[in-house]
Amino acid sequence: MDDTVNITLLGGVNEVGGNIVLLEDFSYDIKILIDFGIKIGKYYEQYERGQHPSSIDELKKLKLIPNEESLPINNLYTQIWSKFKLKKRSRNAEEEEASIDQIYPSNLEGILISHAHKDHYFGLSFVNRTIPIYTGVITKKIIEAFFKSAKFRIDNNYANLNWKTFRTGDIIDIKGMKIIPYHVDHSVPASYGFIIYTSAGPVVYTGDFRRHGPLSSMTEDFLNEIKANEIISSNIQLNAEQKQLISDGVKVLICEGTRIHKGIVESEERVESHLEKIFENNPFDFILVKYDRIDWDRFRTFSHIAKKYGWKYIITEKEAYFYHLLNKEALHETMRDPNILEDDHIYILKKGAARFPWQEKIRQIMYNHQKGDRFLDYHDLKDLEKEFFIYITHLHPDLVNNLNFNLNGLFLSSSIDPYSEEFYDNTKTIGSELKHYGIPCYRVHASGHAIPHDLINFICEVNPRYLIPIHTEHPEFFGKIFDKTDIKVVEPQLNKPIAI
């Protein structure tokens, strides 16, 4: 191998989630990070629901985020939290906060964010505000929606980030190094992979993807762009050496492998068909559903079923405000459906006086559009006779105390994956509690990750010289599968540079 480029995995090694890849190109004199996730599983081992860290140093000591002292990066993390106390922060403090990091600039040229799952972007809450953050237009919108619909705190601070947004096919130019972001299908909208034209040849980062989802054609677009292996702009001048490197094909493929060890034939269409079977001879009066809030495809599927059969679909104010932010000025048709304002089968649970800005905003929005009749108080649940869905993430005491358990209920668990990228998996706990009320538990699901045969075929079609597995607990599978091919599998070690 040449040594013009180093790739170092700072997260996502022998684990699902926590993706952080450091790419150093010495010819371009560039250092970038690809994704900046956090070890979500380990995070929730340390912090229960409602708890949060007190400092960035605390997270570094727990090895939940990288310690920049061992990296060739200066001032990776923001100085905001060393200058401000959370309780003293006012709404007009943003300009002062933004200026603090200017005194301590970083030598990191940028961070690429592939999609809006916390195991890929959560670390942005802590980064130096001078560092450019390259991400999709909708990805930025989703991250900001999370930020605005929750409490401001050290692990939920995405204000004043140095955003640089892109869309599919745009060309990112960092000191002459070209990067093409391209859409892929995943369980969250606006997911991307990257083709990075380094001085050692093209490096491809898949992010998280699947080939069995409703937008699987996007993944095929990405694959076709990789196979075409050319920068799609006549305005970019390449020298002979750069042209040769590109014509030699993909040098390195950094590929997610969440499900390389097992799979099941599935699709979002099958999720909907399974729900249809339940409703053919449905004995249930209400259905509790649990899935990740950000899984727009699942929200759409459940909402469509509720609308089709004339059922109410009940969500909380937090979900309503989050979804409204995504509906607002939506660039893609898929982000306009469901629509919080227009879909009158969607009801919103509220409790007492508004305590947070996002509660005030969603109430004002709904009442201004003469949709106030779609608000329910928790005590209204006692009067619901049947035919309603309720979205839950856990069994809130107000829900348990007001739901009429004399009705026949069903619990449908439909989280992203058993690996729980976003939240600790409390499905068993919920199911166990609901057994006391005679409520059965079903699981209906379509994974956000490619299954084994799709992964293998994708890699073979890319045909990289080197393959680095990431986001997997079973990297050894790749070595065994591709042992008889010309593709060299490099099993990464945490924090150990791979020279290319």
Protein backbone atom coordinates (compact mmCIF):
# COMPACT_ATOMS: atom_id res chain seq x y z
CA MET A 1 0.00 0.00 0.00
CA ASP A 2 1.02 3.59 -0.55
CA ASP A 3 1.00 5.84 2.50
CA THR A 4 -0.54 9.02 1.14
CA VAL A 5 -3.81 8.40 3.02
CA ASN A 6 -4.60 7.08 6.49
CA ILE A 7 -8.02 5.76 7.51
CA THR A 8 -8.59 5.37 11.25
CA LEU A 9 -11.80 4.02 12.75
CA LEU A 10 -12.50 5.81 16.03
CA GLY A 11 -15.85 4.07 16.46
CA GLY A 12 -18.02 1.42 14.84
CA VAL A 13 -15.37 -1.31 15.32
CA ASN A 14 -16.82 -4.67 16.41
CA GLU A 15 -20.03 -2.86 17.32
CA VAL A 16 -23.21 -1.58 15.74
CA GLY A 17 -23.23 2.20 15.85
CA GLY A 18 -20.82 4.82 17.04
CA ASN A 19 -19.42 5.41 13.57
CA ILE A 20 -16.48 7.81 13.48
CA VAL A 21 -13.91 7.57 10.67
CA LEU A 22 -10.84 9.80 10.49
CA LEU A 23 -9.52 10.23 6.95
CA GLU A 24 -6.15 11.94 6.55
CA ASP A 25 -4.91 12.77 3.06
CA PHE A 26 -1.31 13.95 3.34
CA SER A 27 -1.03 15.01 -0.28
CA TYR A 28 -4.01 17.35 0.08
CA ASP A 29 -3.04 18.16 3.70
CA ILE A 30 -6.59 17.34 4.79
CA LYS A 31 -8.11 15.79 7.88
CA ILE A 32 -11.85 15.04 7.90
CA LEU A 33 -14.19 12.93 9.97
CA ILE A 34 -16.85 10.79 8.33
CA ASP A 35 -19.77 10.65 10.75
CA PHE A 36 -19.48 11.54 14.40
CA GLY A 37 -21.68 9.12 16.27
CA ILE A 38 -21.60 7.97 19.82
CA LYS A 39 -21.66 4.49 21.31
CA ILE A 40 -25.41 4.52 21.94
CA GLY A 41 -25.62 1.19 23.77
CA LYS A 42 -22.79 2.12 26.14
CA TYR A 43 -24.24 5.61 26.53
CA TYR A 44 -27.51 4.22 27.88
CA GLU A 45 -25.62 1.85 30.16
CA GLN A 46 -24.22 4.97 31.83
CA TYR A 47 -27.22 7.29 31.61
CA GLU A 48 -30.79 6.20 32.21
CA ARG A 49 -33.73 7.98 30.61
CA GLY A 50 -33.71 11.60 31.77
CA GLN A 51 -30.06 11.56 32.85
CA HIS A 52 -27.27 13.25 30.93
CA PRO A 53 -23.52 13.90 31.22
CA SER A 54 -22.22 16.91 33.11
CA SER A 55 -19.21 17.60 30.90
CA ILE A 56 -17.38 16.64 27.72
CA ASP A 57 -14.45 15.42 29.83
CA GLU A 58 -16.84 12.99 31.52
CA LEU A 59 -17.76 11.48 28.14
CA LYS A 60 -14.08 11.21 27.17
CA LYS A 61 -13.21 9.41 30.40
CA LEU A 62 -16.02 6.96 29.76
CA LYS A 63 -14.61 6.47 26.22
CA LEU A 64 -17.96 7.38 24.71
CA ILE A 65 -16.32 9.97 22.45
CA PRO A 66 -12.69 10.16 21.22
CA ASN A 67 -10.00 11.82 23.30
CA GLU A 68 -8.49 14.38 20.95
CA GLU A 69 -5.17 14.25 22.82
CA SER A 70 -4.46 10.95 21.06
CA LEU A 71 -5.51 12.32 17.65
CA PRO A 72 -3.84 14.63 15.13
CA ILE A 73 -6.72 17.07 15.66
CA ASN A 74 -6.57 20.31 17.59
CA ASN A 75 -9.56 21.75 19.45
CA LEU A 76 -12.02 19.10 18.31
CA TYR A 77 -14.50 19.99 21.04
CA THR A 78 -16.34 23.22 21.77
CA GLN A 79 -15.32 25.59 24.57
CA ILE A 80 -18.93 26.64 25.18
CA TRP A 81 -19.48 24.38 28.15
CA SER A 82 -16.35 25.55 29.92
CA LYS A 83 -17.55 29.17 29.69
CA PHE A 84 -21.28 28.83 30.34
CA LYS A 85 -23.36 27.11 32.94
CA LEU A 86 -26.47 25.46 31.56
CA LYS A 87 -28.84 27.17 33.99
CA LYS A 88 -27.41 30.58 33.18
CA ARG A 89 -27.85 30.28 29.43
CA SER A 90 -30.45 32.65 28.03
CA ARG A 91 -32.18 32.59 24.66
CA ASN A 92 -30.13 35.53 23.41
CA ALA A 93 -26.80 33.91 24.33
CA GLU A 94 -26.24 32.30 20.92
CA GLU A 95 -24.13 35.09 19.38
CA GLU A 96 -21.81 35.16 22.38
CA GLU A 97 -21.52 31.36 22.36
CA ALA A 98 -20.75 31.29 18.64
CA SER A 99 -17.80 33.62 19.11
CA ILE A 100 -16.09 31.55 21.81
CA ASP A 101 -14.76 28.80 19.54
CA GLN A 102 -13.33 31.40 17.15
CA ILE A 103 -10.56 31.87 19.72
CA TYR A 104 -9.77 28.15 19.59
CA PRO A 105 -9.99 27.13 15.90
CA SER A 106 -9.61 23.48 14.91
CA ASN A 107 -7.36 22.04 12.20
CA LEU A 108 -10.11 19.60 11.16
CA GLU A 109 -11.30 20.53 7.67
CA GLY A 110 -14.78 19.11 8.08
CA ILE A 111 -17.16 16.43 9.32
CA LEU A 112 -19.35 14.52 6.85
CA ILE A 113 -22.64 13.28 8.32
CA SER A 114 -24.32 10.45 6.41
CA HIS A 115 -27.74 10.50 8.08
CA ALA A 116 -29.75 11.53 11.11
CA HIS A 117 -29.37 8.55 13.42
CA LYS A 118 -27.72 9.39 16.71
CA ASP A 119 -25.08 6.71 16.32
CA HIS A 120 -23.86 8.76 13.35
CA TYR A 121 -24.34 12.38 14.44
CA PHE A 122 -24.75 12.57 18.24
CA GLY A 123 -21.16 13.79 18.78
CA LEU A 124 -21.91 17.02 16.90
CA SER A 125 -23.42 18.35 20.10
CA PHE A 126 -19.90 18.62 21.52
CA VAL A 127 -17.79 19.77 18.54
CA ASN A 128 -15.99 23.04 17.95
CA ARG A 129 -18.38 25.44 16.18
CA THR A 130 -15.68 26.51 13.68
CA ILE A 131 -15.57 23.03 12.08
CA PRO A 132 -17.63 22.77 8.84
CA ILE A 133 -20.41 20.17 9.11
CA TYR A 134 -21.30 18.72 5.68
CA THR A 135 -24.69 17.04 5.56
CA GLY A 136 -27.85 16.72 3.50
CA VAL A 137 -30.47 19.47 3.56
CA ILE A 138 -33.09 17.18 5.13
CA THR A 139 -30.58 15.60 7.52
CA LYS A 140 -29.84 19.05 8.95
CA LYS A 141 -33.56 19.68 9.22
CA ILE A 142 -34.12 16.43 11.15
CA ILE A 143 -31.24 17.08 13.55
CA GLU A 144 -32.51 20.59 14.22
CA ALA A 145 -36.04 19.25 14.73
CA PHE A 146 -34.72 16.89 17.41
CA PHE A 147 -32.88 19.81 19.00
CA LYS A 148 -35.90 22.11 18.98
CA SER A 149 -38.36 19.51 20.29
CA ALA A 150 -36.35 18.58 23.40
CA LYS A 151 -34.64 20.26 26.35
CA PHE A 152 -31.47 22.23 25.71
CA ARG A 153 -28.58 20.50 27.48
CA ILE A 154 -25.00 19.40 26.90
CA ASP A 155 -26.01 16.32 24.86
CA ASN A 156 -28.69 18.22 22.94
CA ASN A 157 -26.94 21.35 21.71
CA TYR A 158 -26.89 21.70 17.93
CA ALA A 159 -27.05 25.50 17.90
CA ASN A 160 -24.47 27.52 15.95
CA LEU A 161 -22.99 24.58 14.09
CA ASN A 162 -21.13 25.54 10.92
CA TRP A 163 -23.53 23.80 8.52
CA LYS A 164 -22.61 23.17 4.87
CA THR A 165 -25.58 21.42 3.26
CA PHE A 166 -25.68 19.38 0.06
CA ARG A 167 -27.99 17.35 -2.14
CA THR A 168 -27.38 14.23 -4.20
CA GLY A 169 -24.90 14.85 -6.99
CA ASP A 170 -23.40 18.00 -5.48
CA ILE A 171 -19.62 18.09 -5.42
CA ILE A 172 -17.94 18.99 -2.15
CA ASP A 173 -14.51 20.52 -2.65
CA ILE A 174 -12.20 20.55 0.38
CA LYS A 175 -8.80 22.01 -0.52
CA GLY A 176 -9.01 20.39 -3.95
CA MET A 177 -10.19 16.96 -2.78
CA LYS A 178 -13.55 16.12 -4.34
CA ILE A 179 -16.37 14.32 -2.52
CA ILE A 180 -19.67 13.24 -4.07
CA PRO A 181 -22.58 12.58 -1.68
CA TYR A 182 -25.24 10.22 -3.02
CA HIS A 183 -28.59 9.16 -1.59
CA VAL A 184 -29.26 5.63 -0.31
CA ASP A 185 -32.34 3.98 1.17
CA HIS A 186 -32.36 3.55 4.95
CA SER A 187 -34.95 3.71 7.74
CA VAL A 188 -34.45 7.46 8.08
CA PRO A 189 -35.02 9.95 5.23
CA ALA A 190 -32.11 11.70 3.53
CA SER A 191 -29.44 9.05 4.09
CA TYR A 192 -26.22 9.31 2.06
CA GLY A 193 -23.11 7.46 1.07
CA PHE A 194 -19.95 9.23 -0.07
CA ILE A 195 -17.47 8.80 -2.92
CA ILE A 196 -14.24 10.49 -1.84
CA TYR A 197 -11.57 11.09 -4.48
CA THR A 198 -8.44 10.91 -2.35
CA SER A 199 -4.85 11.18 -3.59
CA ALA A 200 -4.59 7.38 -3.20
CA GLY A 201 -7.72 6.68 -5.27
CA PRO A 202 -11.49 6.62 -4.71
CA VAL A 203 -12.66 5.77 -1.18
CA VAL A 204 -16.35 4.86 -0.80
CA TYR A 205 -18.23 5.09 2.49
CA THR A 206 -21.66 3.46 2.39
CA GLY A 207 -23.16 4.86 5.58
CA ASP A 208 -26.15 2.69 6.56
CA PHE A 209 -28.21 1.37 3.67
CA ARG A 210 -30.63 -1.29 2.50
CA ARG A 211 -31.85 -2.69 -0.81
CA HIS A 212 -35.30 -3.90 0.33
CA GLY A 213 -36.90 -0.60 1.38
CA PRO A 214 -39.53 1.52 -0.40
CA LEU A 215 -36.77 3.76 -1.84
CA SER A 216 -34.36 0.98 -2.77
CA SER A 217 -33.87 2.62 -6.16
CA MET A 218 -31.83 5.28 -4.36
CA THR A 219 -29.31 2.65 -3.24
CA GLU A 220 -29.09 1.40 -6.81
CA ASP A 221 -28.43 4.99 -7.96
CA PHE A 222 -25.51 5.15 -5.53
CA LEU A 223 -24.16 1.81 -6.74
CA ASN A 224 -24.41 2.90 -10.37
CA GLU A 225 -22.58 6.13 -9.57
CA ILE A 226 -19.78 4.15 -7.90
CA LYS A 227 -19.52 1.78 -10.85
CA ALA A 228 -19.47 4.68 -13.31
CA ASN A 229 -16.52 5.91 -11.25
CA GLU A 230 -16.26 9.39 -12.63
CA ILE A 231 -16.71 12.87 -11.21
CA ILE A 232 -19.92 14.15 -12.77
CA SER A 233 -18.86 17.67 -13.68
CA SER A 234 -17.21 18.92 -16.83
CA ASN A 235 -16.01 21.96 -14.87
CA ILE A 236 -13.47 19.95 -12.86
CA GLN A 237 -10.01 19.62 -14.35
CA LEU A 238 -8.07 16.44 -13.52
CA ASN A 239 -4.41 15.75 -14.15
CA ALA A 240 -3.17 12.49 -15.68
CA GLU A 241 -2.37 10.92 -12.30
CA GLN A 242 -5.83 11.69 -10.92
CA LYS A 243 -7.49 10.26 -14.04
CA GLN A 244 -5.41 7.07 -13.71
CA LEU A 245 -6.35 6.63 -10.05
CA ILE A 246 -10.03 6.96 -10.92
CA SER A 247 -9.80 4.56 -13.86
CA ASP A 248 -8.21 1.94 -11.58
CA GLY A 249 -11.52 1.61 -9.74
CA VAL A 250 -12.48 1.89 -6.09
CA LYS A 251 -9.44 1.66 -3.83
CA VAL A 252 -11.26 1.27 -0.50
CA LEU A 253 -14.84 0.45 0.40
CA ILE A 254 -15.83 1.23 4.00
CA CYS A 255 -19.01 -0.79 4.22
CA GLU A 256 -21.62 -1.20 6.95
CA GLY A 257 -22.26 -4.81 7.94
CA THR A 258 -24.92 -4.70 10.62
CA ARG A 259 -26.67 -7.83 9.37
CA ILE A 260 -23.90 -9.69 7.57
CA HIS A 261 -24.42 -12.67 9.90
CA LYS A 262 -28.19 -13.13 9.55
CA GLY A 263 -31.17 -11.96 7.57
CA ILE A 264 -34.81 -12.40 6.73
CA VAL A 265 -36.63 -11.52 3.52
CA GLU A 266 -38.55 -8.37 4.39
CA SER A 267 -39.86 -5.04 3.14
CA GLU A 268 -42.03 -2.13 4.26
CA GLU A 269 -44.74 -3.52 1.98
CA ARG A 270 -44.70 -6.73 4.03
CA VAL A 271 -45.10 -4.71 7.23
CA GLU A 272 -48.23 -3.13 5.77
CA SER A 273 -49.55 -6.48 4.52
CA HIS A 274 -49.10 -8.00 8.00
CA LEU A 275 -51.09 -5.12 9.48
CA GLU A 276 -53.78 -5.68 6.87
CA LYS A 277 -54.06 -9.31 8.01
CA ILE A 278 -54.63 -8.18 11.57
CA PHE A 279 -57.45 -5.90 10.43
CA GLU A 280 -59.16 -8.59 8.32
CA ASN A 281 -60.59 -10.14 11.48
CA ASN A 282 -59.54 -7.64 14.10
CA PRO A 283 -60.65 -8.38 17.69
CA PHE A 284 -58.74 -5.43 19.17
CA ASP A 285 -60.22 -2.11 20.26
CA PHE A 286 -56.92 -0.22 20.41
CA ILE A 287 -53.30 -0.74 19.42
CA LEU A 288 -50.20 0.61 21.15
CA VAL A 289 -47.34 1.01 18.68
CA LYS A 290 -43.65 1.52 19.38
CA TYR A 291 -41.06 2.46 16.79
CA ASP A 292 -38.34 5.04 16.44
CA ARG A 293 -39.83 8.50 15.98
CA ILE A 294 -37.44 9.23 13.13
CA ASP A 295 -38.54 6.16 11.10
CA TRP A 296 -40.74 8.11 8.69
CA ASP A 297 -41.62 5.03 6.62
CA ARG A 298 -43.01 3.28 9.68
CA PHE A 299 -44.95 6.37 10.76
CA ARG A 300 -46.44 6.57 7.28
CA THR A 301 -47.37 2.88 7.23
CA PHE A 302 -49.17 2.95 10.58
CA SER A 303 -50.86 6.26 9.77
CA HIS A 304 -52.12 4.93 6.43
CA ILE A 305 -53.63 1.87 8.11
CA ALA A 306 -55.34 4.02 10.73
CA LYS A 307 -56.73 6.37 8.07
CA LYS A 308 -57.90 3.50 5.87
CA TYR A 309 -59.91 1.87 8.65
CA GLY A 310 -61.18 5.09 10.21
CA TRP A 311 -59.08 4.82 13.38
CA LYS A 312 -57.57 7.71 15.33
CA TYR A 313 -53.78 7.90 15.38
CA ILE A 314 -52.67 9.49 18.66
CA ILE A 315 -49.21 10.98 19.20
CA THR A 316 -47.71 13.33 21.80
CA GLU A 317 -46.99 17.03 21.37
CA LYS A 318 -43.29 16.30 20.99
CA GLU A 319 -43.88 13.96 18.03
CA ALA A 320 -46.42 16.38 16.53
CA TYR A 321 -43.99 19.31 16.62
CA PHE A 322 -41.14 17.16 15.30
CA TYR A 323 -43.22 15.90 12.37
CA HIS A 324 -44.59 19.36 11.65
CA LEU A 325 -41.03 20.70 11.30
CA LEU A 326 -40.33 17.98 8.74
CA ASN A 327 -43.62 18.66 6.90
CA LYS A 328 -42.87 22.36 6.76
CA GLU A 329 -41.44 23.35 3.38
CA ALA A 330 -40.79 19.67 2.61
CA LEU A 331 -38.62 19.25 -0.48
CA HIS A 332 -39.80 15.70 -1.22
CA GLU A 333 -43.31 14.35 -1.54
CA THR A 334 -42.51 11.51 0.90
CA MET A 335 -41.92 14.10 3.64
CA ARG A 336 -45.40 15.63 3.17
CA ASP A 337 -47.21 12.39 4.01
CA PRO A 338 -48.44 12.07 6.74
CA ASN A 339 -49.22 15.73 7.34
CA ILE A 340 -49.81 16.90 10.90
CA LEU A 341 -52.08 19.80 9.88
CA GLU A 342 -54.05 18.18 7.07
CA ASP A 343 -54.55 14.60 8.29
CA ASP A 344 -57.52 14.88 10.64
CA HIS A 345 -57.21 11.28 11.85
CA ILE A 346 -54.02 12.31 13.72
CA TYR A 347 -54.72 13.44 17.29
CA ILE A 348 -52.30 15.01 19.77
CA LEU A 349 -52.01 14.24 23.48
CA LYS A 350 -51.30 17.23 25.68
CA LYS A 351 -50.90 17.63 29.41
CA GLY A 352 -51.62 20.79 31.39
CA ALA A 353 -49.95 24.13 30.73
CA ALA A 354 -47.13 24.32 28.21
CA ARG A 355 -43.74 23.98 29.94
CA PHE A 356 -41.46 24.02 26.92
CA PRO A 357 -41.19 26.23 23.80
CA TRP A 358 -42.06 23.36 21.46
CA GLN A 359 -45.30 22.75 23.37
CA GLU A 360 -46.28 26.39 23.00
CA LYS A 361 -45.45 26.32 19.30
CA ILE A 362 -47.38 23.19 18.33
CA ARG A 363 -50.43 24.41 20.27
CA GLN A 364 -50.27 27.80 18.61
CA ILE A 365 -49.84 26.22 15.17
CA MET A 366 -52.82 23.87 15.58
CA TYR A 367 -55.15 26.51 17.03
CA ASN A 368 -54.17 29.07 14.38
CA HIS A 369 -55.21 26.54 11.71
CA GLN A 370 -58.51 25.79 13.50
CA LYS A 371 -57.30 22.29 14.39
CA GLY A 372 -57.59 22.61 18.15
CA ASP A 373 -60.30 19.94 18.25
CA ARG A 374 -57.63 17.34 17.56
CA PHE A 375 -56.00 17.86 20.96
CA LEU A 376 -56.74 15.29 23.65
CA ASP A 377 -55.97 15.47 27.34
CA TYR A 378 -54.83 12.24 28.95
CA HIS A 379 -58.11 11.96 30.87
CA ASP A 380 -59.93 11.97 27.48
CA LEU A 381 -58.49 8.50 26.88
CA LYS A 382 -60.98 7.07 29.39
CA ASP A 383 -63.83 8.08 27.10
CA LEU A 384 -62.42 6.52 23.93
CA GLU A 385 -64.50 3.44 23.16
CA LYS A 386 -62.38 1.79 20.49
CA GLU A 387 -60.56 2.17 17.17
CA PHE A 388 -57.44 4.12 18.03
CA PHE A 389 -53.68 3.77 17.81
CA ILE A 390 -51.41 5.33 20.45
CA TYR A 391 -47.72 5.86 19.71
CA ILE A 392 -45.52 5.11 22.74
CA THR A 393 -41.81 4.94 23.58
CA HIS A 394 -42.48 3.72 27.14
CA LEU A 395 -45.46 3.27 29.44
CA HIS A 396 -46.01 6.78 30.75
CA PRO A 397 -47.88 6.80 34.11
CA ASP A 398 -50.48 9.24 32.74
CA LEU A 399 -51.17 6.81 29.93
CA VAL A 400 -51.49 3.79 32.21
CA ASN A 401 -53.72 5.67 34.66
CA ASN A 402 -56.14 6.89 32.00
CA LEU A 403 -56.29 4.16 29.37
CA ASN A 404 -59.40 1.97 29.57
CA PHE A 405 -57.95 -1.50 30.00
CA ASN A 406 -61.41 -3.03 29.90
CA LEU A 407 -61.03 -2.67 26.14
CA ASN A 408 -59.12 -5.27 24.14
CA GLY A 409 -55.64 -3.98 23.36
CA LEU A 410 -52.63 -5.03 21.31
CA PHE A 411 -48.99 -3.93 21.58
CA LEU A 412 -47.09 -3.74 18.28
CA SER A 413 -43.31 -3.41 18.60
CA SER A 414 -41.73 -2.09 15.43
CA SER A 415 -38.39 -0.58 16.45
CA ILE A 416 -35.63 -0.02 13.90
CA ASP A 417 -33.62 -3.11 14.72
CA PRO A 418 -32.95 -5.29 17.75
CA TYR A 419 -29.62 -3.45 17.97
CA SER A 420 -31.43 -0.29 19.09
CA GLU A 421 -29.41 2.44 17.42
CA GLU A 422 -31.43 5.25 18.93
CA PHE A 423 -32.73 4.12 22.29
CA TYR A 424 -32.22 1.25 24.68
CA ASP A 425 -34.60 -1.53 23.72
CA ASN A 426 -37.35 -1.58 26.36
CA THR A 427 -39.76 -3.68 24.30
CA LYS A 428 -39.55 -6.66 26.68
CA THR A 429 -40.20 -4.41 29.67
CA ILE A 430 -43.28 -2.88 28.04
CA GLY A 431 -44.55 -6.28 26.93
CA SER A 432 -44.09 -7.70 30.42
CA GLU A 433 -46.01 -4.84 32.03
CA LEU A 434 -48.84 -5.11 29.52
CA LYS A 435 -49.29 -8.82 30.24
CA HIS A 436 -50.93 -7.82 33.52
CA TYR A 437 -53.72 -6.25 31.46
CA GLY A 438 -54.08 -9.18 29.07
CA ILE A 439 -52.51 -7.29 26.17
CA PRO A 440 -50.55 -9.49 23.74
CA CYS A 441 -47.34 -8.32 22.10
CA TYR A 442 -46.59 -8.63 18.37
CA ARG A 443 -43.48 -7.70 16.44
CA VAL A 444 -43.82 -6.36 12.90
CA HIS A 445 -40.72 -4.90 11.33
CA ALA A 446 -38.55 -4.20 8.29
CA SER A 447 -34.88 -3.57 8.98
CA GLY A 448 -33.07 -0.41 7.94
CA HIS A 449 -29.98 -2.45 7.05
CA ALA A 450 -29.05 -4.61 4.07
CA ILE A 451 -29.38 -8.35 4.57
CA PRO A 452 -26.47 -10.74 3.80
CA HIS A 453 -27.07 -11.53 0.13
CA ASP A 454 -27.71 -7.84 -0.66
CA LEU A 455 -24.51 -6.83 1.15
CA ILE A 456 -22.43 -9.46 -0.64
CA ASN A 457 -23.80 -8.57 -4.07
CA PHE A 458 -23.31 -4.85 -3.43
CA ILE A 459 -19.66 -5.36 -2.45
CA CYS A 460 -19.00 -7.63 -5.43
CA GLU A 461 -20.46 -5.07 -7.82
CA VAL A 462 -18.34 -2.28 -6.32
CA ASN A 463 -15.32 -4.63 -6.49
CA PRO A 464 -12.98 -2.57 -4.31
CA ARG A 465 -9.33 -3.36 -3.88
CA TYR A 466 -9.70 -3.16 -0.09
CA LEU A 467 -12.79 -3.67 2.06
CA ILE A 468 -13.06 -2.26 5.58
CA PRO A 469 -16.16 -3.47 7.50
CA ILE A 470 -17.75 -1.04 9.96
CA HIS A 471 -20.95 -0.90 12.02
CA THR A 472 -20.92 -4.65 12.64
CA GLU A 473 -20.37 -7.05 15.51
CA HIS A 474 -19.13 -9.70 13.07
CA PRO A 475 -16.34 -8.28 10.85
CA GLU A 476 -14.83 -11.77 10.59
CA PHE A 477 -17.73 -12.80 8.33
CA PHE A 478 -16.39 -10.53 5.60
CA GLY A 479 -12.97 -12.18 5.68
CA LYS A 480 -14.50 -15.64 5.31
CA ILE A 481 -16.97 -14.63 2.60
CA PHE A 482 -14.40 -12.85 0.40
CA ASP A 483 -11.46 -15.13 1.14
CA LYS A 484 -11.46 -16.61 -2.39
CA THR A 485 -11.83 -13.29 -4.20
CA ASP A 486 -9.44 -10.50 -5.20
CA ILE A 487 -11.03 -8.23 -2.60
CA LYS A 488 -8.71 -7.87 0.39
CA VAL A 489 -10.63 -7.53 3.66
CA VAL A 490 -8.93 -5.35 6.27
CA GLU A 491 -10.45 -5.91 9.69
CA PRO A 492 -10.01 -2.58 11.49
CA GLN A 493 -8.71 -2.10 14.98
CA LEU A 494 -10.00 0.77 17.07
CA ASN A 495 -7.77 3.88 16.79
CA LYS A 496 -5.21 2.06 14.60
CA PRO A 497 -4.45 3.89 11.29
CA ILE A 498 -4.82 1.91 8.07
CA ALA A 499 -2.38 3.28 5.46
CA ILE A 500 -3.52 3.27 1.86
